[in-house]
Amino acid sequence: MARSLKKGPFVNAKLLKKIQKLGSSKNTTSIKTLSRSSTIVPEMIDFTFLVHDGKNYISVKVREEMVGHKLGEFAPTTKFSRHGGKMQRDIEKQAEVKQEAQLKTNTAK
């Protein structure tokens, strides 16, 4: 459910203060934040944020296309390992063999 237009987008107050402090200098320093629910506003463009994913901080460089989205959308909290099974293992093994063969032919040239 969308947030009311009357209220405006949610942005953590501390995060806005940090942006305004660094805004005049345009440093290359990263801003660490736990606020994944903060909406990206135009003032954040060209800043780098370190967004917490529950375990680590993931670097997110804000671009113009990201305005209106949440910071947490660009820092996934789960790590995809792969779909399992015997068929998948066989497919991956064939791909590795193919890669090794290509490397051998490239080095032989």
Protein backbone atom coordinates (compact mmCIF):
# COMPACT_ATOMS: atom_id res chain seq x y z
CA MET A 1 0.00 0.00 0.00
CA ALA A 2 1.39 3.38 -1.02
CA ARG A 3 2.12 6.18 1.41
CA SER A 4 -0.27 9.12 1.48
CA LEU A 5 0.68 12.07 -0.75
CA LYS A 6 -0.25 14.37 2.10
CA LYS A 7 2.53 12.88 4.27
CA GLY A 8 5.18 12.75 1.55
CA PRO A 9 8.01 10.20 1.18
CA PHE A 10 9.64 8.74 4.29
CA VAL A 11 13.29 9.64 4.72
CA ASN A 12 15.11 9.10 7.99
CA ALA A 13 15.84 12.50 9.61
CA LYS A 14 19.41 11.54 10.57
CA LEU A 15 20.07 10.42 7.01
CA LEU A 16 18.91 13.78 5.65
CA LYS A 17 21.20 15.61 8.10
CA LYS A 18 24.18 13.55 6.94
CA ILE A 19 23.35 14.29 3.30
CA GLN A 20 23.03 18.01 3.96
CA LYS A 21 26.33 18.04 5.87
CA LEU A 22 28.18 16.32 3.01
CA GLY A 23 26.16 18.05 0.29
CA SER A 24 28.24 21.17 0.19
CA SER A 25 31.56 19.33 -0.07
CA LYS A 26 30.48 16.47 -2.43
CA ASN A 27 32.95 14.10 -0.78
CA THR A 28 33.43 10.56 -1.98
CA THR A 29 32.78 9.24 1.51
CA SER A 30 30.03 6.68 2.00
CA ILE A 31 27.08 7.20 4.32
CA LYS A 32 26.38 4.19 6.53
CA THR A 33 22.72 3.52 7.25
CA LEU A 34 20.41 0.91 8.71
CA SER A 35 17.37 2.69 7.29
CA ARG A 36 16.38 0.40 4.40
CA SER A 37 12.87 1.87 4.36
CA SER A 38 14.01 5.39 3.48
CA THR A 39 12.81 6.61 0.09
CA ILE A 40 15.46 7.88 -2.30
CA VAL A 41 14.93 11.60 -2.93
CA PRO A 42 16.67 13.84 -5.53
CA GLU A 43 19.06 15.24 -2.88
CA MET A 44 20.64 11.76 -2.61
CA ILE A 45 21.79 11.56 -6.25
CA ASP A 46 25.54 10.89 -6.69
CA PHE A 47 26.00 9.83 -3.06
CA THR A 48 27.17 6.36 -2.04
CA PHE A 49 25.29 4.67 0.78
CA LEU A 50 26.31 1.61 2.76
CA VAL A 51 22.97 -0.10 3.34
CA HIS A 52 22.78 -2.83 5.99
CA ASP A 53 21.41 -6.17 4.77
CA GLY A 54 21.23 -7.81 8.19
CA LYS A 55 24.83 -8.99 8.23
CA ASN A 56 26.99 -6.72 6.07
CA TYR A 57 26.86 -3.26 4.56
CA ILE A 58 26.26 -3.22 0.80
CA SER A 59 27.47 -0.26 -1.25
CA VAL A 60 24.68 1.50 -3.21
CA LYS A 61 25.57 4.37 -5.56
CA VAL A 62 22.40 6.43 -6.10
CA ARG A 63 21.55 7.37 -9.68
CA GLU A 64 18.71 9.40 -11.15
CA GLU A 65 16.62 6.33 -12.08
CA MET A 66 16.49 5.25 -8.42
CA VAL A 67 14.51 8.28 -7.19
CA GLY A 68 11.25 7.17 -5.61
CA HIS A 69 12.48 3.67 -4.71
CA LYS A 70 13.56 2.50 -1.26
CA LEU A 71 17.22 2.04 -0.26
CA GLY A 72 16.53 -1.55 0.78
CA GLU A 73 15.51 -2.52 -2.76
CA PHE A 74 19.14 -2.29 -3.85
CA ALA A 75 20.62 -4.31 -0.97
CA PRO A 76 19.21 -7.87 -1.07
CA THR A 77 18.95 -9.61 2.30
CA THR A 78 19.13 -13.17 1.01
CA LYS A 79 21.87 -14.83 -1.00
CA PHE A 80 20.80 -17.06 -3.88
CA SER A 81 22.97 -20.14 -3.95
CA ARG A 82 21.40 -22.19 -6.77
CA HIS A 83 18.69 -24.64 -7.57
CA GLY A 84 19.85 -28.11 -6.71
CA GLY A 85 19.46 -31.58 -8.03
CA LYS A 86 21.41 -34.10 -10.06
CA MET A 87 20.43 -32.57 -13.42
CA GLN A 88 21.69 -29.16 -12.38
CA ARG A 89 25.02 -30.61 -11.24
CA ASP A 90 25.46 -32.37 -14.59
CA ILE A 91 24.68 -29.19 -16.52
CA GLU A 92 27.20 -27.19 -14.48
CA LYS A 93 29.84 -29.89 -14.94
CA GLN A 94 29.35 -29.81 -18.72
CA ALA A 95 29.66 -26.02 -18.71
CA GLU A 96 32.93 -26.22 -16.76
CA VAL A 97 34.37 -28.79 -19.19
CA LYS A 98 33.38 -26.55 -22.10
CA GLN A 99 35.07 -23.54 -20.48
CA GLU A 100 38.26 -25.47 -19.84
CA ALA A 101 38.33 -26.62 -23.46
CA GLN A 102 37.94 -23.04 -24.67
CA LEU A 103 40.75 -21.87 -22.38
CA LYS A 104 43.05 -24.58 -23.73
CA THR A 105 42.32 -23.62 -27.34
CA ASN A 106 42.85 -19.92 -26.58
CA THR A 107 46.18 -20.53 -24.88
CA ALA A 108 47.34 -22.83 -27.71
CA LYS A 109 46.92 -20.02 -30.29
